[in-house]
Amino acid sequence: YGVLRADQPPLIADDADVSVIAGHLARLAIDTLRGGGSQF
């Protein structure tokens, strides 16, 4: 990303796609930080 070249088109995904995966990643992080028994 820091040296994006002409032959490296950006990733095709919209905000809804990213937000869904980010939500799951945040849930996994929260579950890890809480400690104790996992919900996953």
PDB file of all heavy atoms in Angstrom:
ATOM      1  N   TYR A   1       0.818  -1.211   0.000  1.00  0.00           N
ATOM      2  CA  TYR A   1       0.000   0.000   0.000  1.00  0.00           C
ATOM      3  C   TYR A   1       0.853   1.263   0.000  1.00  0.00           C
ATOM      4  O   TYR A   1       0.483   2.281  -0.568  1.00  0.00           O
ATOM      5  CB  TYR A   1      -0.934  -0.007   1.206  1.00  0.00           C
ATOM      6  CG  TYR A   1      -2.038  -1.029   1.091  1.00  0.00           C
ATOM      7  CD1 TYR A   1      -1.973  -2.227   1.784  1.00  0.00           C
ATOM      8  CD2 TYR A   1      -3.120  -0.798   0.263  1.00  0.00           C
ATOM      9  CE1 TYR A   1      -2.979  -3.176   1.663  1.00  0.00           C
ATOM     10  CE2 TYR A   1      -4.133  -1.738   0.142  1.00  0.00           C
ATOM     11  CZ  TYR A   1      -4.058  -2.926   0.841  1.00  0.00           C
ATOM     12  OH  TYR A   1      -5.050  -3.850   0.724  1.00  0.00           O
ATOM     13  N   GLY A   2       1.994   1.205   0.658  1.00  0.00           N
ATOM     14  CA  GLY A   2       2.818   2.412   0.731  1.00  0.00           C
ATOM     15  C   GLY A   2       3.436   2.780  -0.594  1.00  0.00           C
ATOM     16  O   GLY A   2       3.805   3.915  -0.826  1.00  0.00           O
ATOM     17  N   VAL A   3       3.601   1.783  -1.485  1.00  0.00           N
ATOM     18  CA  VAL A   3       4.217   2.049  -2.788  1.00  0.00           C
ATOM     19  C   VAL A   3       3.337   1.415  -3.861  1.00  0.00           C
ATOM     20  O   VAL A   3       3.779   0.611  -4.666  1.00  0.00           O
ATOM     21  CB  VAL A   3       5.658   1.478  -2.844  1.00  0.00           C
ATOM     22  CG1 VAL A   3       6.595   2.323  -2.024  1.00  0.00           C
ATOM     23  CG2 VAL A   3       5.706   0.033  -2.359  1.00  0.00           C
ATOM     24  N   LEU A   4       2.068   1.756  -3.857  1.00  0.00           N
ATOM     25  CA  LEU A   4       1.100   1.156  -4.767  1.00  0.00           C
ATOM     26  C   LEU A   4       1.502   1.422  -6.208  1.00  0.00           C
ATOM     27  O   LEU A   4       1.725   2.567  -6.607  1.00  0.00           O
ATOM     28  CB  LEU A   4      -0.298   1.738  -4.493  1.00  0.00           C
ATOM     29  CG  LEU A   4      -1.472   1.046  -5.190  1.00  0.00           C
ATOM     30  CD1 LEU A   4      -1.605  -0.384  -4.688  1.00  0.00           C
ATOM     31  CD2 LEU A   4      -2.753   1.816  -4.940  1.00  0.00           C
ATOM     32  N   ARG A   5       1.616   0.363  -6.991  1.00  0.00           N
ATOM     33  CA  ARG A   5       2.043   0.488  -8.379  1.00  0.00           C
ATOM     34  C   ARG A   5       0.839   0.430  -9.296  1.00  0.00           C
ATOM     35  O   ARG A   5      -0.249   0.006  -8.921  1.00  0.00           O
ATOM     36  CB  ARG A   5       3.013  -0.647  -8.726  1.00  0.00           C
ATOM     37  CG  ARG A   5       4.245  -0.711  -7.842  1.00  0.00           C
ATOM     38  CD  ARG A   5       5.258  -1.687  -8.453  1.00  0.00           C
ATOM     39  NE  ARG A   5       4.674  -2.991  -8.683  1.00  0.00           N
ATOM     40  CZ  ARG A   5       4.722  -3.990  -7.793  1.00  0.00           C
ATOM     41  NH1 ARG A   5       5.303  -3.801  -6.611  1.00  0.00           N
ATOM     42  NH2 ARG A   5       4.186  -5.165  -8.080  1.00  0.00           N
ATOM     43  N   ALA A   6       1.065   0.817 -10.557  1.00  0.00           N
ATOM     44  CA  ALA A   6      -0.024   0.834 -11.529  1.00  0.00           C
ATOM     45  C   ALA A   6      -0.567  -0.566 -11.782  1.00  0.00           C
ATOM     46  O   ALA A   6      -1.726  -0.739 -12.134  1.00  0.00           O
ATOM     47  CB  ALA A   6       0.451   1.466 -12.832  1.00  0.00           C
ATOM     48  N   ASP A   7       0.301  -1.596 -11.603  1.00  0.00           N
ATOM     49  CA  ASP A   7      -0.143  -2.963 -11.842  1.00  0.00           C
ATOM     50  C   ASP A   7      -0.747  -3.607 -10.607  1.00  0.00           C
ATOM     51  O   ASP A   7      -0.985  -4.806 -10.583  1.00  0.00           O
ATOM     52  CB  ASP A   7       1.020  -3.823 -12.358  1.00  0.00           C
ATOM     53  CG  ASP A   7       2.158  -3.906 -11.343  1.00  0.00           C
ATOM     54  OD1 ASP A   7       2.169  -3.076 -10.415  1.00  0.00           O
ATOM     55  OD2 ASP A   7       3.009  -4.796 -11.495  1.00  0.00           O
ATOM     56  N   GLN A   8      -0.980  -2.813  -9.560  1.00  0.00           N
ATOM     57  CA  GLN A   8      -1.609  -3.309  -8.332  1.00  0.00           C
ATOM     58  C   GLN A   8      -2.926  -2.578  -8.108  1.00  0.00           C
ATOM     59  O   GLN A   8      -2.975  -1.587  -7.389  1.00  0.00           O
ATOM     60  CB  GLN A   8      -0.702  -3.109  -7.131  1.00  0.00           C
ATOM     61  CG  GLN A   8       0.509  -4.024  -7.132  1.00  0.00           C
ATOM     62  CD  GLN A   8       1.346  -3.802  -5.899  1.00  0.00           C
ATOM     63  OE1 GLN A   8       1.515  -2.668  -5.459  1.00  0.00           O
ATOM     64  NE2 GLN A   8       1.884  -4.867  -5.340  1.00  0.00           N
ATOM     65  N   PRO A   9      -3.990  -3.012  -8.768  1.00  0.00           N
ATOM     66  CA  PRO A   9      -5.287  -2.349  -8.555  1.00  0.00           C
ATOM     67  C   PRO A   9      -5.742  -2.534  -7.132  1.00  0.00           C
ATOM     68  O   PRO A   9      -5.403  -3.519  -6.475  1.00  0.00           O
ATOM     69  CB  PRO A   9      -6.214  -3.064  -9.543  1.00  0.00           C
ATOM     70  CG  PRO A   9      -5.580  -4.405  -9.742  1.00  0.00           C
ATOM     71  CD  PRO A   9      -4.099  -4.171  -9.672  1.00  0.00           C
ATOM     72  N   PRO A  10      -6.522  -1.604  -6.608  1.00  0.00           N
ATOM     73  CA  PRO A  10      -6.979  -1.715  -5.218  1.00  0.00           C
ATOM     74  C   PRO A  10      -7.934  -2.886  -5.042  1.00  0.00           C
ATOM     75  O   PRO A  10      -8.548  -3.370  -5.991  1.00  0.00           O
ATOM     76  CB  PRO A  10      -7.684  -0.373  -4.974  1.00  0.00           C
ATOM     77  CG  PRO A  10      -8.091   0.096  -6.334  1.00  0.00           C
ATOM     78  CD  PRO A  10      -7.025  -0.388  -7.265  1.00  0.00           C
ATOM     79  N   LEU A  11      -8.038  -3.329  -3.806  1.00  0.00           N
ATOM     80  CA  LEU A  11      -8.973  -4.395  -3.465  1.00  0.00           C
ATOM     81  C   LEU A  11     -10.405  -3.942  -3.740  1.00  0.00           C
ATOM     82  O   LEU A  11     -10.788  -2.829  -3.392  1.00  0.00           O
ATOM     83  CB  LEU A  11      -8.824  -4.738  -1.979  1.00  0.00           C
ATOM     84  CG  LEU A  11      -9.733  -5.818  -1.419  1.00  0.00           C
ATOM     85  CD1 LEU A  11      -9.257  -7.191  -1.872  1.00  0.00           C
ATOM     86  CD2 LEU A  11      -9.747  -5.752   0.103  1.00  0.00           C
ATOM     87  N   ILE A  12     -11.183  -4.799  -4.401  1.00  0.00           N
ATOM     88  CA  ILE A  12     -12.580  -4.485  -4.698  1.00  0.00           C
ATOM     89  C   ILE A  12     -13.456  -5.036  -3.574  1.00  0.00           C
ATOM     90  O   ILE A  12     -13.602  -6.247  -3.403  1.00  0.00           O
ATOM     91  CB  ILE A  12     -13.010  -5.068  -6.047  1.00  0.00           C
ATOM     92  CG1 ILE A  12     -12.129  -4.524  -7.175  1.00  0.00           C
ATOM     93  CG2 ILE A  12     -14.474  -4.745  -6.319  1.00  0.00           C
ATOM     94  CD1 ILE A  12     -12.160  -3.006  -7.324  1.00  0.00           C
ATOM     95  N   ALA A  13     -13.996  -4.157  -2.793  1.00  0.00           N
ATOM     96  CA  ALA A  13     -14.936  -4.504  -1.717  1.00  0.00           C
ATOM     97  C   ALA A  13     -15.560  -3.201  -1.247  1.00  0.00           C
ATOM     98  O   ALA A  13     -14.910  -2.152  -1.283  1.00  0.00           O
ATOM     99  CB  ALA A  13     -14.219  -5.205  -0.564  1.00  0.00           C
ATOM    100  N   ASP A  14     -16.823  -3.241  -0.838  1.00  0.00           N
ATOM    101  CA  ASP A  14     -17.456  -2.010  -0.384  1.00  0.00           C
ATOM    102  C   ASP A  14     -17.435  -1.925   1.138  1.00  0.00           C
ATOM    103  O   ASP A  14     -16.966  -2.832   1.829  1.00  0.00           O
ATOM    104  CB  ASP A  14     -18.872  -1.857  -0.939  1.00  0.00           C
ATOM    105  CG  ASP A  14     -19.820  -2.962  -0.498  1.00  0.00           C
ATOM    106  OD1 ASP A  14     -19.598  -3.537   0.594  1.00  0.00           O
ATOM    107  OD2 ASP A  14     -20.785  -3.240  -1.231  1.00  0.00           O
ATOM    108  N   ASP A  15     -17.949  -0.822   1.642  1.00  0.00           N
ATOM    109  CA  ASP A  15     -17.874  -0.563   3.083  1.00  0.00           C
ATOM    110  C   ASP A  15     -18.654  -1.599   3.878  1.00  0.00           C
ATOM    111  O   ASP A  15     -18.258  -1.972   4.984  1.00  0.00           O
ATOM    112  CB  ASP A  15     -18.418   0.843   3.369  1.00  0.00           C
ATOM    113  CG  ASP A  15     -18.180   1.253   4.805  1.00  0.00           C
ATOM    114  OD1 ASP A  15     -17.019   1.195   5.254  1.00  0.00           O
ATOM    115  OD2 ASP A  15     -19.153   1.618   5.492  1.00  0.00           O
ATOM    116  N   ALA A  16     -19.768  -2.083   3.331  1.00  0.00           N
ATOM    117  CA  ALA A  16     -20.543  -3.095   4.039  1.00  0.00           C
ATOM    118  C   ALA A  16     -19.735  -4.386   4.186  1.00  0.00           C
ATOM    119  O   ALA A  16     -19.754  -5.023   5.246  1.00  0.00           O
ATOM    120  CB  ALA A  16     -21.853  -3.369   3.298  1.00  0.00           C
ATOM    121  N   ASP A  17     -19.014  -4.776   3.128  1.00  0.00           N
ATOM    122  CA  ASP A  17     -18.171  -5.976   3.210  1.00  0.00           C
ATOM    123  C   ASP A  17     -17.130  -5.834   4.313  1.00  0.00           C
ATOM    124  O   ASP A  17     -16.962  -6.707   5.166  1.00  0.00           O
ATOM    125  CB  ASP A  17     -17.447  -6.214   1.876  1.00  0.00           C
ATOM    126  CG  ASP A  17     -18.392  -6.395   0.707  1.00  0.00           C
ATOM    127  OD1 ASP A  17     -19.477  -6.953   0.917  1.00  0.00           O
ATOM    128  OD2 ASP A  17     -18.033  -5.971  -0.408  1.00  0.00           O
ATOM    129  N   VAL A  18     -16.429  -4.702   4.295  1.00  0.00           N
ATOM    130  CA  VAL A  18     -15.367  -4.467   5.272  1.00  0.00           C
ATOM    131  C   VAL A  18     -15.938  -4.398   6.685  1.00  0.00           C
ATOM    132  O   VAL A  18     -15.376  -4.958   7.636  1.00  0.00           O
ATOM    133  CB  VAL A  18     -14.599  -3.175   4.931  1.00  0.00           C
ATOM    134  CG1 VAL A  18     -13.626  -2.816   6.049  1.00  0.00           C
ATOM    135  CG2 VAL A  18     -13.845  -3.341   3.620  1.00  0.00           C
ATOM    136  N   SER A  19     -17.081  -3.721   6.839  1.00  0.00           N
ATOM    137  CA  SER A  19     -17.655  -3.543   8.172  1.00  0.00           C
ATOM    138  C   SER A  19     -18.089  -4.870   8.786  1.00  0.00           C
ATOM    139  O   SER A  19     -17.969  -5.067  10.000  1.00  0.00           O
ATOM    140  CB  SER A  19     -18.849  -2.580   8.105  1.00  0.00           C
ATOM    141  OG  SER A  19     -18.425  -1.288   7.705  1.00  0.00           O
ATOM    142  N   VAL A  20     -18.602  -5.794   7.956  1.00  0.00           N
ATOM    143  CA  VAL A  20     -19.005  -7.095   8.488  1.00  0.00           C
ATOM    144  C   VAL A  20     -17.789  -7.834   9.029  1.00  0.00           C
ATOM    145  O   VAL A  20     -17.805  -8.357  10.151  1.00  0.00           O
ATOM    146  CB  VAL A  20     -19.710  -7.931   7.402  1.00  0.00           C
ATOM    147  CG1 VAL A  20     -19.896  -9.368   7.870  1.00  0.00           C
ATOM    148  CG2 VAL A  20     -21.063  -7.320   7.063  1.00  0.00           C
ATOM    149  N   ILE A  21     -16.714  -7.890   8.249  1.00  0.00           N
ATOM    150  CA  ILE A  21     -15.512  -8.600   8.694  1.00  0.00           C
ATOM    151  C   ILE A  21     -14.891  -7.879   9.885  1.00  0.00           C
ATOM    152  O   ILE A  21     -14.430  -8.514  10.842  1.00  0.00           O
ATOM    153  CB  ILE A  21     -14.502  -8.733   7.539  1.00  0.00           C
ATOM    154  CG1 ILE A  21     -15.151  -9.434   6.340  1.00  0.00           C
ATOM    155  CG2 ILE A  21     -13.274  -9.505   7.999  1.00  0.00           C
ATOM    156  CD1 ILE A  21     -15.730 -10.802   6.650  1.00  0.00           C
ATOM    157  N   ALA A  22     -14.903  -6.542   9.871  1.00  0.00           N
ATOM    158  CA  ALA A  22     -14.371  -5.782  11.006  1.00  0.00           C
ATOM    159  C   ALA A  22     -15.178  -6.067  12.269  1.00  0.00           C
ATOM    160  O   ALA A  22     -14.615  -6.179  13.365  1.00  0.00           O
ATOM    161  CB  ALA A  22     -14.395  -4.285  10.690  1.00  0.00           C
ATOM    162  N   GLY A  23     -16.499  -6.192  12.130  1.00  0.00           N
ATOM    163  CA  GLY A  23     -17.325  -6.502  13.292  1.00  0.00           C
ATOM    164  C   GLY A  23     -16.974  -7.844  13.896  1.00  0.00           C
ATOM    165  O   GLY A  23     -16.875  -7.993  15.116  1.00  0.00           O
ATOM    166  N   HIS A  24     -16.779  -8.843  13.036  1.00  0.00           N
ATOM    167  CA  HIS A  24     -16.394 -10.163  13.538  1.00  0.00           C
ATOM    168  C   HIS A  24     -14.999 -10.131  14.157  1.00  0.00           C
ATOM    169  O   HIS A  24     -14.748 -10.787  15.180  1.00  0.00           O
ATOM    170  CB  HIS A  24     -16.453 -11.185  12.409  1.00  0.00           C
ATOM    171  CG  HIS A  24     -17.847 -11.533  11.977  1.00  0.00           C
ATOM    172  ND1 HIS A  24     -18.759 -12.106  12.822  1.00  0.00           N
ATOM    173  CD2 HIS A  24     -18.489 -11.372  10.792  1.00  0.00           C
ATOM    174  CE1 HIS A  24     -19.905 -12.302  12.176  1.00  0.00           C
ATOM    175  NE2 HIS A  24     -19.767 -11.856  10.953  1.00  0.00           N
ATOM    176  N   LEU A  25     -14.092  -9.376  13.542  1.00  0.00           N
ATOM    177  CA  LEU A  25     -12.733  -9.277  14.092  1.00  0.00           C
ATOM    178  C   LEU A  25     -12.755  -8.582  15.450  1.00  0.00           C
ATOM    179  O   LEU A  25     -12.069  -9.003  16.391  1.00  0.00           O
ATOM    180  CB  LEU A  25     -11.840  -8.514  13.113  1.00  0.00           C
ATOM    181  CG  LEU A  25     -10.349  -8.416  13.465  1.00  0.00           C
ATOM    182  CD1 LEU A  25      -9.732  -9.797  13.595  1.00  0.00           C
ATOM    183  CD2 LEU A  25      -9.613  -7.587  12.420  1.00  0.00           C
ATOM    184  N   ALA A  26     -13.565  -7.530  15.579  1.00  0.00           N
ATOM    185  CA  ALA A  26     -13.688  -6.838  16.865  1.00  0.00           C
ATOM    186  C   ALA A  26     -14.293  -7.747  17.922  1.00  0.00           C
ATOM    187  O   ALA A  26     -13.852  -7.753  19.079  1.00  0.00           O
ATOM    188  CB  ALA A  26     -14.534  -5.573  16.697  1.00  0.00           C
ATOM    189  N   ARG A  27     -15.298  -8.550  17.552  1.00  0.00           N
ATOM    190  CA  ARG A  27     -15.895  -9.473  18.514  1.00  0.00           C
ATOM    191  C   ARG A  27     -14.864 -10.492  19.001  1.00  0.00           C
ATOM    192  O   ARG A  27     -14.802 -10.834  20.179  1.00  0.00           O
ATOM    193  CB  ARG A  27     -17.070 -10.226  17.869  1.00  0.00           C
ATOM    194  CG  ARG A  27     -18.302  -9.392  17.646  1.00  0.00           C
ATOM    195  CD  ARG A  27     -18.973  -8.943  18.931  1.00  0.00           C
ATOM    196  NE  ARG A  27     -19.138 -10.034  19.860  1.00  0.00           N
ATOM    197  CZ  ARG A  27     -18.711 -10.024  21.114  1.00  0.00           C
ATOM    198  NH1 ARG A  27     -18.080  -8.963  21.585  1.00  0.00           N
ATOM    199  NH2 ARG A  27     -18.908 -11.047  21.913  1.00  0.00           N
ATOM    200  N   LEU A  28     -14.041 -10.994  18.075  1.00  0.00           N
ATOM    201  CA  LEU A  28     -13.010 -11.956  18.444  1.00  0.00           C
ATOM    202  C   LEU A  28     -11.987 -11.303  19.375  1.00  0.00           C
ATOM    203  O   LEU A  28     -11.523 -11.919  20.347  1.00  0.00           O
ATOM    204  CB  LEU A  28     -12.335 -12.482  17.181  1.00  0.00           C
ATOM    205  CG  LEU A  28     -11.666 -13.862  17.241  1.00  0.00           C
ATOM    206  CD1 LEU A  28     -12.653 -14.928  17.677  1.00  0.00           C
ATOM    207  CD2 LEU A  28     -11.074 -14.213  15.879  1.00  0.00           C
ATOM    208  N   ALA A  29     -11.631 -10.039  19.093  1.00  0.00           N
ATOM    209  CA  ALA A  29     -10.683  -9.318  19.948  1.00  0.00           C
ATOM    210  C   ALA A  29     -11.265  -9.084  21.340  1.00  0.00           C
ATOM    211  O   ALA A  29     -10.588  -9.272  22.353  1.00  0.00           O
ATOM    212  CB  ALA A  29     -10.309  -7.992  19.294  1.00  0.00           C
ATOM    213  N   ILE A  30     -12.532  -8.665  21.409  1.00  0.00           N
ATOM    214  CA  ILE A  30     -13.175  -8.413  22.705  1.00  0.00           C
ATOM    215  C   ILE A  30     -13.239  -9.693  23.530  1.00  0.00           C
ATOM    216  O   ILE A  30     -12.940  -9.699  24.727  1.00  0.00           O
ATOM    217  CB  ILE A  30     -14.589  -7.829  22.487  1.00  0.00           C
ATOM    218  CG1 ILE A  30     -14.484  -6.413  21.893  1.00  0.00           C
ATOM    219  CG2 ILE A  30     -15.377  -7.801  23.792  1.00  0.00           C
ATOM    220  CD1 ILE A  30     -15.809  -5.869  21.397  1.00  0.00           C
ATOM    221  N   ASP A  31     -13.616 -10.790  22.887  1.00  0.00           N
ATOM    222  CA  ASP A  31     -13.701 -12.069  23.585  1.00  0.00           C
ATOM    223  C   ASP A  31     -12.332 -12.473  24.139  1.00  0.00           C
ATOM    224  O   ASP A  31     -12.229 -13.001  25.252  1.00  0.00           O
ATOM    225  CB  ASP A  31     -14.216 -13.138  22.617  1.00  0.00           C
ATOM    226  CG  ASP A  31     -14.449 -14.474  23.283  1.00  0.00           C
ATOM    227  OD1 ASP A  31     -15.526 -14.656  23.868  1.00  0.00           O
ATOM    228  OD2 ASP A  31     -13.549 -15.324  23.215  1.00  0.00           O
ATOM    229  N   THR A  32     -11.277 -12.188  23.378  1.00  0.00           N
ATOM    230  CA  THR A  32      -9.922 -12.521  23.818  1.00  0.00           C
ATOM    231  C   THR A  32      -9.502 -11.649  24.993  1.00  0.00           C
ATOM    232  O   THR A  32      -8.900 -12.130  25.959  1.00  0.00           O
ATOM    233  CB  THR A  32      -8.938 -12.347  22.649  1.00  0.00           C
ATOM    234  OG1 THR A  32      -9.362 -13.147  21.535  1.00  0.00           O
ATOM    235  CG2 THR A  32      -7.529 -12.756  23.052  1.00  0.00           C
ATOM    236  N   LEU A  33      -9.823 -10.368  24.942  1.00  0.00           N
ATOM    237  CA  LEU A  33      -9.415  -9.435  25.995  1.00  0.00           C
ATOM    238  C   LEU A  33     -10.175  -9.672  27.296  1.00  0.00           C
ATOM    239  O   LEU A  33      -9.639  -9.446  28.387  1.00  0.00           O
ATOM    240  CB  LEU A  33      -9.632  -7.996  25.524  1.00  0.00           C
ATOM    241  CG  LEU A  33      -8.671  -7.497  24.440  1.00  0.00           C
ATOM    242  CD1 LEU A  33      -9.191  -6.211  23.824  1.00  0.00           C
ATOM    243  CD2 LEU A  33      -7.280  -7.277  25.017  1.00  0.00           C
ATOM    244  N   ARG A  34     -11.403 -10.118  27.211  1.00  0.00           N
ATOM    245  CA  ARG A  34     -12.184 -10.361  28.425  1.00  0.00           C
ATOM    246  C   ARG A  34     -11.587 -11.479  29.270  1.00  0.00           C
ATOM    247  O   ARG A  34     -11.663 -11.448  30.497  1.00  0.00           O
ATOM    248  CB  ARG A  34     -13.613 -10.747  28.052  1.00  0.00           C
ATOM    249  CG  ARG A  34     -14.497  -9.597  27.606  1.00  0.00           C
ATOM    250  CD  ARG A  34     -15.828 -10.177  27.167  1.00  0.00           C
ATOM    251  NE  ARG A  34     -16.811  -9.156  26.830  1.00  0.00           N
ATOM    252  CZ  ARG A  34     -18.011  -9.437  26.324  1.00  0.00           C
ATOM    253  NH1 ARG A  34     -18.352 -10.696  26.104  1.00  0.00           N
ATOM    254  NH2 ARG A  34     -18.858  -8.482  26.052  1.00  0.00           N
ATOM    255  N   GLY A  35     -11.000 -12.471  28.598  1.00  0.00           N
ATOM    256  CA  GLY A  35     -10.479 -13.617  29.331  1.00  0.00           C
ATOM    257  C   GLY A  35     -11.600 -14.532  29.775  1.00  0.00           C
ATOM    258  O   GLY A  35     -12.785 -14.329  29.472  1.00  0.00           O
ATOM    259  N   GLY A  36     -11.249 -15.560  30.531  1.00  0.00           N
ATOM    260  CA  GLY A  36     -12.254 -16.504  30.983  1.00  0.00           C
ATOM    261  C   GLY A  36     -12.726 -17.392  29.852  1.00  0.00           C
ATOM    262  O   GLY A  36     -12.040 -17.593  28.847  1.00  0.00           O
ATOM    263  N   GLY A  37     -13.929 -17.903  29.972  1.00  0.00           N
ATOM    264  CA  GLY A  37     -14.484 -18.775  28.948  1.00  0.00           C
ATOM    265  C   GLY A  37     -14.813 -18.015  27.677  1.00  0.00           C
ATOM    266  O   GLY A  37     -15.281 -16.878  27.710  1.00  0.00           O
ATOM    267  N   SER A  38     -14.571 -18.643  26.543  1.00  0.00           N
ATOM    268  CA  SER A  38     -14.814 -17.998  25.259  1.00  0.00           C
ATOM    269  C   SER A  38     -16.212 -18.291  24.743  1.00  0.00           C
ATOM    270  O   SER A  38     -16.771 -19.369  24.975  1.00  0.00           O
ATOM    271  CB  SER A  38     -13.781 -18.467  24.238  1.00  0.00           C
ATOM    272  OG  SER A  38     -14.084 -17.966  22.946  1.00  0.00           O
ATOM    273  N   GLN A  39     -16.770 -17.327  24.017  1.00  0.00           N
ATOM    274  CA  GLN A  39     -18.061 -17.519  23.367  1.00  0.00           C
ATOM    275  C   GLN A  39     -17.912 -18.233  22.031  1.00  0.00           C
ATOM    276  O   GLN A  39     -18.902 -18.638  21.426  1.00  0.00           O
ATOM    277  CB  GLN A  39     -18.753 -16.176  23.147  1.00  0.00           C
ATOM    278  CG  GLN A  39     -19.120 -15.450  24.432  1.00  0.00           C
ATOM    279  CD  GLN A  39     -19.792 -14.114  24.155  1.00  0.00           C
ATOM    280  OE1 GLN A  39     -19.593 -13.515  23.106  1.00  0.00           O
ATOM    281  NE2 GLN A  39     -20.597 -13.660  25.099  1.00  0.00           N
ATOM    282  N   PHE A  40     -16.674 -18.353  21.549  1.00  0.00           N
ATOM    283  CA  PHE A  40     -16.434 -18.893  20.216  1.00  0.00           C
ATOM    284  C   PHE A  40     -15.940 -20.329  20.303  1.00  0.00           C
ATOM    285  O   PHE A  40     -14.886 -20.598  20.887  1.00  0.00           O
ATOM    286  CB  PHE A  40     -15.411 -18.036  19.469  1.00  0.00           C
ATOM    287  CG  PHE A  40     -15.894 -16.648  19.168  1.00  0.00           C
ATOM    288  CD1 PHE A  40     -15.666 -15.605  20.061  1.00  0.00           C
ATOM    289  CD2 PHE A  40     -16.585 -16.377  18.005  1.00  0.00           C
ATOM    290  CE1 PHE A  40     -16.117 -14.330  19.796  1.00  0.00           C
ATOM    291  CE2 PHE A  40     -17.042 -15.102  17.735  1.00  0.00           C
ATOM    292  CZ  PHE A  40     -16.811 -14.073  18.625  1.00  0.00           C
TER     293      PHE A  40
END
